[in-house]
Protein backbone atom coordinates (compact mmCIF):
# COMPACT_ATOMS: atom_id res chain seq x y z
CA MET A 1 132.01 113.49 110.49
CA LYS A 2 134.82 113.66 107.65
CA VAL A 3 137.36 114.96 110.42
CA LEU A 4 136.18 112.37 112.82
CA CYS A 5 136.84 109.53 110.17
CA SER A 6 140.49 111.03 109.35
CA LEU A 7 141.19 110.83 113.02
CA LEU A 8 139.89 107.34 113.44
CA PHE A 9 140.87 105.81 110.20
CA GLY A 10 144.14 104.39 111.49
CA LEU A 11 142.17 102.47 114.01
CA GLY A 12 139.79 101.15 111.61
CA THR A 13 136.70 102.39 113.54
CA CYS A 14 135.04 104.53 110.87
CA ALA A 15 133.03 101.80 108.99
CA ALA A 16 132.15 102.05 105.35
CA GLN A 17 128.12 102.03 104.96
CA ALA A 18 125.91 101.27 101.85
CA ASP A 19 122.89 103.41 101.25
CA LEU A 20 120.46 102.07 98.50
CA VAL A 21 118.14 105.20 97.59
CA TRP A 22 115.06 104.59 95.48
CA GLU A 23 114.25 107.30 92.99
CA SER A 24 110.28 106.73 92.92
CA PRO A 25 109.40 103.85 95.40
CA HIS A 26 105.74 104.61 94.89
CA GLN A 27 104.13 104.98 91.44
CA GLU A 28 100.72 105.04 89.60
CA PHE A 29 99.44 104.18 86.46
CA GLN A 30 96.35 103.80 84.31
CA ARG A 31 95.76 100.84 81.62
CA ARG A 32 93.01 99.77 79.42
CA PRO A 33 91.69 96.06 79.52
CA VAL A 34 93.30 95.47 76.10
CA ASP A 35 96.81 95.95 77.50
CA ARG A 36 96.61 92.99 79.72
CA GLU A 37 99.76 93.99 81.68
CA LEU A 38 101.88 96.75 83.01
CA ALA A 39 105.54 96.85 82.91
CA LEU A 40 107.47 99.29 84.95
CA ASP A 41 110.69 99.96 86.44
CA PHE A 42 111.92 100.97 89.93
CA ALA A 43 115.32 102.82 89.67
CA PHE A 44 117.80 102.96 92.62
CA LYS A 45 121.39 104.31 93.33
CA ASN A 46 123.84 103.07 95.97
CA LYS A 47 124.73 106.41 97.59
CA GLY A 48 126.82 104.78 100.25
CA ASN A 49 130.63 104.28 100.36
CA ALA A 50 130.48 100.44 100.25
CA PRO A 51 128.94 97.89 98.09
CA VAL A 52 125.69 96.51 98.70
CA THR A 53 124.21 93.21 97.49
CA ILE A 54 120.18 92.71 97.10
CA THR A 55 119.58 89.44 98.52
CA LYS A 56 115.78 88.90 98.28
CA VAL A 57 112.90 90.37 96.21
CA THR A 58 109.54 89.46 97.11
CA THR A 59 106.03 90.54 95.55
CA SER A 60 102.75 90.67 97.02
CA CYS A 61 101.11 88.23 94.64
CA GLY A 62 101.58 85.79 91.80
CA CYS A 63 100.54 88.02 89.19
CA THR A 64 103.50 90.56 89.98
CA SER A 65 106.97 89.57 89.13
CA ALA A 66 110.21 91.30 89.69
CA ASP A 67 113.39 89.87 88.00
CA LEU A 68 116.65 91.33 89.05
CA THR A 69 119.66 89.95 87.39
CA LYS A 70 122.43 91.99 88.77
CA LYS A 71 122.48 91.63 92.60
CA THR A 72 125.83 93.61 93.73
CA TYR A 73 126.19 97.38 93.33
CA ALA A 74 129.26 99.33 94.03
CA PRO A 75 129.28 103.01 95.56
CA GLY A 76 127.73 105.46 93.25
CA GLU A 77 126.30 102.75 91.03
CA ALA A 78 122.75 102.90 89.75
CA GLY A 79 120.26 99.99 88.67
CA THR A 80 116.64 99.16 87.98
CA LEU A 81 114.27 96.82 89.28
CA PRO A 82 112.09 95.62 86.44
CA VAL A 83 108.42 94.81 87.47
CA LYS A 84 105.68 93.14 85.50
CA PHE A 85 102.21 93.17 86.57
CA ILE A 86 99.83 90.61 84.46
CA PHE A 87 96.33 91.83 85.31
CA GLY A 88 94.39 89.82 82.87
CA ASP A 89 90.70 90.18 83.49
CA ARG A 90 91.09 92.31 86.44
CA ARG A 91 89.36 95.83 86.57
CA GLY A 92 89.40 98.92 88.72
CA ALA A 93 91.85 99.87 91.08
CA GLN A 94 94.72 97.35 91.87
CA ALA A 95 97.55 98.02 94.56
CA LYS A 96 100.76 95.75 94.73
CA SER A 97 103.85 96.00 96.87
CA ILE A 98 107.40 94.82 96.31
CA SER A 99 109.96 94.10 99.47
CA VAL A 100 113.65 94.31 98.77
CA VAL A 101 116.11 92.96 101.17
CA SER A 102 119.71 94.07 101.07
CA ASP A 103 122.90 92.57 102.91
CA ASP A 104 123.15 95.76 105.07
CA GLY A 105 120.00 94.50 106.91
CA LYS A 106 117.73 97.02 105.49
CA THR A 107 114.39 96.44 103.63
CA ALA A 108 112.76 98.72 101.06
CA GLN A 109 109.10 98.69 100.50
CA LEU A 110 108.02 99.59 97.00
CA SER A 111 104.61 99.84 95.70
CA PHE A 112 102.39 100.76 92.71
CA LYS A 113 98.81 101.31 91.85
CA CYS A 114 97.26 100.49 88.60
CA THR A 115 93.68 101.45 87.68
CA ILE A 116 92.29 99.33 84.71
CA LEU A 117 89.35 101.02 82.79
CA ASP A 118 87.41 100.05 79.85
CA ASP A 119 87.86 102.48 77.03
CA PRO A 120 86.25 105.49 78.56
CA VAL A 121 85.94 107.65 75.67
CA SER A 122 82.84 107.19 73.18
CA LEU A 123 82.29 108.86 69.73
CA ALA A 124 78.87 109.42 68.43
CA PRO A 125 79.06 109.09 65.44
CA ALA A 126 82.47 107.97 64.46
CA PHE A 127 81.85 108.46 60.86
CA VAL A 128 80.39 111.45 59.11
CA PHE A 129 79.70 112.10 55.43
CA TRP A 130 78.30 114.44 52.84
CA ARG A 131 77.04 113.68 49.41
CA VAL A 132 78.97 115.36 46.50
CA GLY A 133 76.83 118.79 45.89
CA GLU A 134 75.46 118.83 49.56
CA ALA A 135 75.36 121.84 51.59
CA ALA A 136 78.64 122.26 53.18
CA GLU A 137 77.17 122.61 56.60
CA ALA A 138 79.18 121.62 59.85
CA LYS A 139 78.35 118.26 61.24
CA LYS A 140 78.87 117.31 65.04
CA VAL A 141 80.49 114.38 66.76
CA GLU A 142 79.75 114.22 70.38
CA LEU A 143 82.29 112.89 72.62
CA GLY A 144 81.40 111.17 76.05
CA VAL A 145 84.14 110.37 78.88
CA ALA A 146 82.98 107.71 81.44
CA GLY A 147 82.52 109.01 84.96
CA ASN A 148 85.30 109.10 87.49
CA SER A 149 88.11 108.32 84.81
CA GLN A 150 89.63 111.90 84.84
CA ILE A 151 90.48 111.77 81.39
CA LYS A 152 90.41 114.99 79.18
CA ILE A 153 90.30 115.83 75.48
CA THR A 154 93.14 117.91 74.59
CA ALA A 155 92.95 118.66 70.87
CA VAL A 156 91.57 117.51 67.64
CA SER A 157 93.34 117.64 64.05
CA SER A 158 92.51 116.85 60.35
CA THR A 159 94.54 115.08 57.71
CA ASN A 160 92.97 117.17 54.99
CA PRO A 161 93.27 121.09 55.30
CA ARG A 162 90.20 121.38 53.26
CA ILE A 163 88.08 119.58 56.15
CA ALA A 164 88.32 121.57 59.07
CA ALA A 165 87.77 120.02 62.87
CA THR A 166 86.99 122.09 65.78
CA LEU A 167 86.97 121.09 69.49
CA SER A 168 84.91 122.48 71.99
CA THR A 169 84.52 121.49 75.80
CA VAL A 170 80.62 121.08 76.99
CA LYS A 171 81.61 119.76 80.52
CA VAL A 172 85.40 119.04 81.33
CA GLY A 173 86.16 115.50 81.61
CA GLU A 174 82.84 114.37 80.74
CA ARG A 175 81.47 115.79 77.48
CA TYR A 176 83.09 117.46 74.39
CA ALA A 177 81.95 118.13 70.60
CA VAL A 178 83.81 117.99 67.55
CA SER A 179 82.65 120.62 64.68
CA ILE A 180 83.35 118.93 61.34
CA GLN A 181 83.21 121.18 58.08
CA PRO A 182 84.36 120.81 54.69
CA ALA A 183 85.53 123.93 52.52
CA ASP A 184 82.97 122.73 49.88
CA THR A 185 81.33 119.42 48.66
CA LYS A 186 82.25 119.83 44.89
CA GLN A 187 84.17 116.60 44.67
CA ALA A 188 84.63 113.33 46.46
CA GLU A 189 87.09 113.83 49.39
CA SER A 190 88.22 112.18 52.62
CA ALA A 191 89.90 112.80 55.96
CA GLU A 192 90.53 111.38 59.33
CA VAL A 193 90.06 113.59 62.27
CA PHE A 194 92.25 112.54 65.22
CA VAL A 195 90.88 113.22 68.77
CA GLN A 196 93.74 113.36 71.18
CA SER A 197 93.17 112.47 74.85
CA ASP A 198 95.47 112.40 77.87
CA TYR A 199 95.07 108.91 78.79
CA PRO A 200 97.33 106.90 79.65
CA PRO A 201 99.63 109.31 80.91
CA GLU A 202 102.67 107.47 79.52
CA GLY A 203 101.28 107.19 75.95
CA PRO A 204 98.05 109.20 75.44
CA LYS A 205 95.67 107.58 72.96
CA ALA A 206 94.07 109.39 69.88
CA TYR A 207 90.68 108.44 68.58
CA THR A 208 89.94 108.62 64.91
CA ILE A 209 86.63 109.93 63.22
CA GLN A 210 86.26 108.90 59.76
CA VAL A 211 85.20 111.85 57.17
CA ARG A 212 83.83 111.32 53.56
CA ILE A 213 82.48 113.35 50.84
CA LYS A 214 80.99 110.90 48.32
């Protein structure tokens, strides 16, 4: 092709072409109702040898907006299309699409899915305590994960080295248990035990168990 272009260059018959390539045109997310919205980016690059101008961007619904301030991209230049999805009171699986039209006559079809779940992890109880002088026996906190959430509890940690926390899996993705045990109960002490999940993927949430010796 390079040889052919060289031979025809003088005749002006080797046309330059834009080639807008999208890095991740289809994306998936999980969010909680309290988040209320999802912000995401679609990255792209002009891998052709001519400038390209994005002439039109449309979304599949009014709850989704795409704001592209820069329109024209030189050969080799990269950019991002910021998108915001305001889901409000929506729950469950949501699917949205974006169409991007460029001046080379091409239309890129982008899409994303967002699953909105009520907080899927429950702690029972979320507070454990011992009286000073009580037997320093382990106490258990049961963790439940809502069905079909595909969330896992990955780790636990204690802010007090004298109060140990151990995670055990009863059934992956559904039930876990945290065993909490003080070294002794001779004096008043406190700790927070953090329960780490893998949800949402972009910023996994940690849940807190309050622990007291009083």
